[in-house]
N, C-alpha and C. Protein backbone atom coordinates (compact mmCIF):
# COMPACT_ATOMS: atom_id res chain seq x y z
N MET A 1 160.60 48.76 54.00
CA MET A 1 160.50 47.21 53.80
C MET A 1 160.56 46.31 52.44
N SER A 2 161.67 46.04 52.97
CA SER A 2 161.88 44.75 51.14
C SER A 2 160.98 43.82 51.07
N ARG A 3 160.44 43.05 49.49
CA ARG A 3 159.20 41.98 49.75
C ARG A 3 160.55 40.52 49.66
N SER A 4 160.12 39.54 49.85
CA SER A 4 160.67 38.59 49.55
C SER A 4 160.63 38.05 48.63
N VAL A 5 161.34 36.71 47.80
CA VAL A 5 161.66 36.02 46.25
C VAL A 5 160.06 35.59 46.55
N PRO A 6 159.55 34.81 48.08
CA PRO A 6 158.12 34.28 47.60
C PRO A 6 156.79 35.33 46.66
N GLU A 7 157.55 36.18 47.91
CA GLU A 7 156.60 37.49 47.85
C GLU A 7 156.98 38.33 46.42
N ARG A 8 157.76 38.19 45.60
CA ARG A 8 157.96 39.10 44.58
C ARG A 8 157.35 38.23 43.25
N LEU A 9 157.34 37.17 43.85
CA LEU A 9 157.03 35.76 42.60
C LEU A 9 155.40 35.59 42.55
N GLN A 10 154.76 35.64 43.76
CA GLN A 10 153.80 35.77 43.98
C GLN A 10 152.31 36.75 43.25
N ASP A 11 153.42 38.31 43.76
CA ASP A 11 153.46 39.50 42.72
C ASP A 11 153.05 39.31 41.55
N ILE A 12 153.88 38.46 40.74
CA ILE A 12 153.79 37.42 39.47
C ILE A 12 152.63 37.16 39.36
N LEU A 13 151.99 36.25 39.80
CA LEU A 13 151.24 35.29 39.33
C LEU A 13 150.07 36.82 39.71
N ASP A 14 149.69 37.04 39.96
CA ASP A 14 148.54 38.03 40.50
C ASP A 14 148.58 39.23 39.75
N ALA A 15 149.48 39.20 39.19
CA ALA A 15 149.58 40.53 38.29
C ALA A 15 149.21 40.06 37.08
N ILE A 16 149.33 38.87 36.28
CA ILE A 16 148.74 38.19 35.52
C ILE A 16 147.73 37.86 35.58
N ALA A 17 146.69 37.11 36.37
CA ALA A 17 145.93 37.10 36.59
C ALA A 17 145.01 38.64 36.79
N ARG A 18 146.00 39.36 37.75
CA ARG A 18 144.77 41.08 36.93
C ARG A 18 144.93 42.08 35.88
N ALA A 19 146.15 41.12 34.64
CA ALA A 19 145.85 41.67 32.92
C ALA A 19 145.60 41.00 32.54
N ARG A 20 145.28 39.44 32.81
CA ARG A 20 144.11 38.63 32.27
C ARG A 20 142.51 39.00 32.44
N LEU A 21 142.32 39.70 33.25
CA LEU A 21 141.23 40.00 33.51
C LEU A 21 140.88 41.66 33.34
N ALA A 22 141.91 42.60 33.64
CA ALA A 22 141.00 43.82 32.55
C ALA A 22 142.06 43.37 30.65
N ASP A 23 142.49 41.96 30.32
CA ASP A 23 141.89 42.18 29.48
C ASP A 23 140.99 41.41 28.50
N ARG A 24 139.97 40.77 29.80
CA ARG A 24 138.86 39.79 29.17
C ARG A 24 137.94 41.09 29.32
N LEU A 25 137.76 41.71 30.23
CA LEU A 25 136.91 43.66 30.19
C LEU A 25 136.78 43.94 29.00
N MET A 26 138.49 44.54 28.55
CA MET A 26 138.77 45.29 27.41
C MET A 26 137.85 44.80 26.13
N SER A 27 138.14 43.38 26.14
CA SER A 27 137.39 42.83 25.11
C SER A 27 136.58 43.18 25.03
N ARG A 28 135.35 43.13 26.38
CA ARG A 28 134.14 43.84 26.31
C ARG A 28 133.71 45.13 26.28
N ALA A 29 134.15 45.64 26.83
CA ALA A 29 134.78 47.02 26.08
C ALA A 29 134.23 47.21 24.57
N GLU A 30 135.33 47.43 24.10
CA GLU A 30 135.12 46.60 22.71
C GLU A 30 133.91 46.94 21.94
N ALA A 31 133.62 45.27 22.35
CA ALA A 31 132.25 45.03 22.02
C ALA A 31 131.65 46.35 22.17
N MET A 32 130.50 46.34 23.41
CA MET A 32 129.99 48.05 23.49
C MET A 32 130.14 49.17 22.82
N HIS A 33 131.46 48.51 22.33
CA HIS A 33 131.55 50.38 21.34
C HIS A 33 131.88 51.53 22.80
N ASP A 34 132.42 51.11 24.84
CA ASP A 34 132.44 51.71 25.49
C ASP A 34 133.97 51.90 25.44
N GLU A 35 134.32 53.25 24.32
CA GLU A 35 135.72 53.89 24.84
C GLU A 35 135.82 54.06 26.25
N ASP A 36 135.80 54.75 26.91
CA ASP A 36 136.32 54.50 28.41
C ASP A 36 136.63 53.70 29.15
N GLY A 37 135.90 52.44 28.88
CA GLY A 37 136.57 51.49 29.60
C GLY A 37 137.47 50.73 28.48
N VAL A 38 137.60 50.83 27.39
CA VAL A 38 138.64 50.36 26.75
C VAL A 38 139.89 50.99 27.23
N SER A 39 139.93 52.49 27.31
CA SER A 39 140.86 52.94 28.20
C SER A 39 141.75 52.23 29.55
N VAL A 40 140.48 52.77 30.25
CA VAL A 40 140.69 51.88 31.69
C VAL A 40 141.29 50.39 31.50
N ALA A 41 140.94 49.85 30.65
CA ALA A 41 141.38 48.61 30.91
C ALA A 41 142.60 48.32 30.18
N PHE A 42 142.87 49.01 29.40
CA PHE A 42 144.65 49.07 29.34
C PHE A 42 145.31 49.40 30.15
N ASP A 43 145.26 50.92 30.36
CA ASP A 43 145.59 51.27 31.79
C ASP A 43 146.20 49.65 32.97
N ALA A 44 144.55 49.36 32.94
CA ALA A 44 144.71 49.06 34.30
C ALA A 44 146.25 47.26 33.71
N ILE A 45 145.79 46.81 32.86
CA ILE A 45 147.25 45.62 31.96
C ILE A 45 148.41 46.36 31.89
N LEU A 46 148.67 47.63 31.47
CA LEU A 46 149.65 48.44 31.28
C LEU A 46 150.74 48.35 33.49
N HIS A 47 149.45 48.87 33.96
CA HIS A 47 150.21 48.36 35.29
C HIS A 47 150.54 47.25 35.77
N ASN A 48 149.89 45.77 35.79
CA ASN A 48 150.13 44.93 35.98
C ASN A 48 151.14 44.65 34.89
N LEU A 49 151.67 44.65 33.76
CA LEU A 49 152.23 44.46 33.07
C LEU A 49 153.73 45.23 34.31
N PHE A 50 153.42 47.06 34.47
CA PHE A 50 154.72 47.65 35.06
C PHE A 50 155.27 46.45 36.61
N VAL A 51 153.89 46.02 36.99
CA VAL A 51 154.32 44.78 38.42
C VAL A 51 154.95 43.90 38.01
N MET A 52 154.88 43.19 37.05
CA MET A 52 155.64 42.04 36.38
C MET A 52 156.87 42.86 36.76
N GLY A 53 157.52 44.01 35.81
CA GLY A 53 158.56 43.78 35.41
C GLY A 53 159.83 44.08 36.76
N GLU A 54 158.77 44.88 37.62
CA GLU A 54 159.23 45.45 38.75
C GLU A 54 159.46 44.44 39.36
N ALA A 55 158.64 43.26 40.35
CA ALA A 55 159.49 42.02 40.28
C ALA A 55 160.23 41.47 39.74
N VAL A 56 160.36 41.04 38.59
CA VAL A 56 161.73 40.06 37.75
C VAL A 56 162.84 40.99 38.32
N LYS A 57 162.58 42.58 37.85
CA LYS A 57 164.33 43.40 38.65
C LYS A 57 165.11 42.90 39.65
N SER A 58 163.16 42.31 40.68
CA SER A 58 163.97 42.41 41.83
C SER A 58 164.17 41.01 42.10
N LEU A 59 164.23 40.32 41.45
CA LEU A 59 164.58 38.01 41.72
C LEU A 59 166.06 38.24 41.53
N PRO A 60 166.59 37.58 42.21
CA PRO A 60 168.13 36.72 41.78
C PRO A 60 167.95 36.41 40.66
N ASP A 61 169.49 37.15 40.07
CA ASP A 61 169.36 36.25 38.63
C ASP A 61 170.12 34.52 38.72
N GLU A 62 170.50 34.04 40.12
CA GLU A 62 170.57 32.48 39.85
C GLU A 62 169.41 32.11 40.09
N LEU A 63 168.13 32.57 39.72
CA LEU A 63 167.21 32.16 40.33
C LEU A 63 166.37 32.08 39.18
N LEU A 64 166.89 32.68 37.99
CA LEU A 64 166.72 33.26 37.33
C LEU A 64 167.20 32.07 36.17
N LEU A 65 167.80 31.97 36.08
CA LEU A 65 168.92 30.71 35.66
C LEU A 65 168.45 29.72 35.68
N ASN A 66 167.30 29.17 36.31
CA ASN A 66 166.29 28.08 36.43
C ASN A 66 165.15 28.56 35.16
N SER A 67 164.85 29.43 35.02
CA SER A 67 164.13 29.30 33.43
C SER A 67 164.67 30.18 32.46
N THR A 68 165.70 29.75 32.24
CA THR A 68 166.21 30.27 30.74
C THR A 68 165.63 30.37 29.34
N GLU A 69 164.51 30.01 29.42
CA GLU A 69 163.94 30.10 28.26
C GLU A 69 162.54 31.18 28.19
N ILE A 70 162.52 31.80 29.15
CA ILE A 70 161.76 32.98 29.52
C ILE A 70 162.54 34.14 29.56
N PRO A 71 161.98 35.23 28.91
CA PRO A 71 163.13 36.24 28.71
C PRO A 71 163.12 37.74 29.60
N TRP A 72 163.28 37.37 30.88
CA TRP A 72 163.43 37.79 31.92
C TRP A 72 163.62 39.49 31.74
N ASN A 73 164.93 39.67 30.56
CA ASN A 73 165.56 40.98 30.30
C ASN A 73 164.67 41.01 30.21
N ASP A 74 163.89 40.77 28.95
CA ASP A 74 162.99 41.74 28.14
C ASP A 74 161.37 41.87 29.19
N ILE A 75 161.07 41.17 29.99
CA ILE A 75 160.23 42.37 31.14
C ILE A 75 160.34 42.74 31.45
N ALA A 76 161.44 42.78 32.25
CA ALA A 76 162.38 44.42 33.18
C ALA A 76 162.31 45.12 32.32
N ALA A 77 163.03 45.46 30.74
CA ALA A 77 162.38 46.13 29.70
C ALA A 77 160.86 46.79 29.35
N LEU A 78 159.92 46.18 29.42
CA LEU A 78 159.16 45.92 29.12
C LEU A 78 158.27 47.05 30.18
N ARG A 79 158.38 47.08 31.39
CA ARG A 79 158.54 48.15 33.02
C ARG A 79 159.03 49.56 32.76
N ASP A 80 160.83 49.32 32.14
CA ASP A 80 161.07 50.34 31.72
C ASP A 80 160.58 51.74 30.71
N VAL A 81 159.88 50.67 29.66
CA VAL A 81 158.93 51.65 28.57
C VAL A 81 157.90 51.75 28.66
N ILE A 82 157.26 50.81 29.30
CA ILE A 82 155.95 51.15 30.41
C ILE A 82 156.07 52.98 31.26
N GLY A 83 157.38 53.00 32.61
CA GLY A 83 157.26 53.61 33.16
C GLY A 83 158.43 54.82 32.43
N HIS A 84 158.90 54.92 31.23
CA HIS A 84 159.32 55.57 31.19
C HIS A 84 158.84 56.37 29.41
N HIS A 85 159.10 55.46 28.92
CA HIS A 85 158.66 55.78 27.80
C HIS A 85 157.49 55.40 27.14
N TYR A 86 156.55 55.88 27.85
CA TYR A 86 154.87 55.19 27.64
C TYR A 86 154.62 55.57 26.38
N HIS A 87 155.42 56.91 25.44
CA HIS A 87 154.74 57.86 24.66
C HIS A 87 154.87 56.41 23.30
N ARG A 88 156.12 55.43 23.63
CA ARG A 88 156.29 54.22 23.13
C ARG A 88 155.08 53.12 22.68
N VAL A 89 154.40 52.61 23.61
CA VAL A 89 153.25 51.57 24.00
C VAL A 89 152.86 51.02 22.45
N ILE A 90 153.88 49.59 22.27
CA ILE A 90 152.25 49.86 21.13
C ILE A 90 151.72 48.53 21.37
N PRO A 91 149.64 49.44 21.38
CA PRO A 91 148.72 47.95 21.47
C PRO A 91 148.62 46.92 21.20
N ALA A 92 149.27 46.65 19.90
CA ALA A 92 149.19 45.39 19.51
C ALA A 92 150.76 44.38 19.95
N ILE A 93 151.19 45.18 20.80
CA ILE A 93 152.13 44.18 21.19
C ILE A 93 151.77 43.86 22.93
N ILE A 94 151.34 45.24 23.52
CA ILE A 94 151.25 44.95 25.01
C ILE A 94 149.59 43.34 24.85
N HIS A 95 148.43 43.37 23.61
CA HIS A 95 147.70 43.12 23.67
C HIS A 95 148.30 41.40 23.27
N SER A 96 149.90 41.16 22.72
CA SER A 96 150.06 40.28 22.08
C SER A 96 150.91 39.56 23.41
N THR A 97 151.40 40.08 24.03
CA THR A 97 151.86 39.66 25.69
C THR A 97 151.06 38.96 26.53
N VAL A 98 149.91 39.82 26.64
CA VAL A 98 148.60 39.10 27.46
C VAL A 98 148.20 38.18 27.10
N ARG A 99 148.09 37.39 25.69
CA ARG A 99 147.23 36.84 25.67
C ARG A 99 148.70 35.53 25.09
N VAL A 100 149.46 35.88 24.68
CA VAL A 100 150.93 34.76 24.02
C VAL A 100 151.29 33.87 25.60
N ASP A 101 152.56 35.27 25.93
CA ASP A 101 153.14 35.52 26.66
C ASP A 101 152.94 34.82 28.16
N LEU A 102 151.93 35.81 28.41
CA LEU A 102 151.99 35.37 29.47
C LEU A 102 151.74 33.57 30.61
N THR A 103 151.37 32.65 29.39
CA THR A 103 151.13 31.66 30.46
C THR A 103 152.74 31.05 30.21
N PRO A 104 153.36 30.53 29.14
CA PRO A 104 155.39 30.93 29.33
C PRO A 104 155.24 31.18 30.27
N LEU A 105 155.18 32.34 31.15
CA LEU A 105 155.15 33.67 32.22
C LEU A 105 155.01 32.96 34.05
N GLU A 106 154.21 32.09 33.42
CA GLU A 106 152.66 31.49 34.62
C GLU A 106 153.53 30.16 35.08
N VAL A 107 153.88 29.48 33.63
CA VAL A 107 154.84 28.62 34.33
C VAL A 107 155.91 28.02 34.76
N ALA A 108 156.28 29.27 34.09
CA ALA A 108 157.35 29.54 34.46
C ALA A 108 157.97 29.61 36.32
N THR A 109 157.40 31.06 36.26
CA THR A 109 156.88 31.44 38.26
C THR A 109 156.85 30.43 39.16
N ARG A 110 155.84 29.49 38.60
CA ARG A 110 155.69 28.70 39.08
C ARG A 110 156.11 27.30 39.74
N GLU A 111 157.17 27.82 38.90
CA GLU A 111 158.36 26.33 39.00
C GLU A 111 159.56 27.34 39.55
N LEU A 112 158.86 28.14 39.73
CA LEU A 112 160.62 28.75 40.32
C LEU A 112 160.05 28.77 41.74
N MET A 113 158.53 28.73 42.04
CA MET A 113 158.27 28.84 43.60
C MET A 113 158.51 27.91 44.41
N HIS A 114 158.73 26.63 43.74
CA HIS A 114 159.23 25.46 44.14
C HIS A 114 160.67 25.56 44.58
N TYR A 115 161.86 26.64 43.94
CA TYR A 115 163.20 27.01 44.12
C TYR A 115 162.93 27.42 45.48
N VAL A 116 162.08 27.92 45.80
CA VAL A 116 162.18 28.91 46.83
C VAL A 116 161.63 29.20 47.80
N GLU A 117 161.22 27.39 48.05
CA GLU A 117 159.79 27.29 49.26
C GLU A 117 160.56 26.06 50.18
């Protein structure tokens, strides 16, 4: 069964929250020199970025035109890199994505929710 547009938008918001949590846990693990904890937290971040990309791919183009400041195609492309070219993932880009790029995505996603309610 296919998920609705509001459900997909909520998936993005939930994945943002989980990616941020995993990033905080990874920082703690790094401070404790816990390599296993860092690895698991990084994998959790990747999973949630993958979920965001998958959800974005399922959103109608006409809805995304309401937030042209967000690089929707790049979000979908990151999902493809994580899923198909995982060996090309650059941790520094992933960290920057979580720490810088998720805030505008969250704001835009919340605004898009108003178009579909």
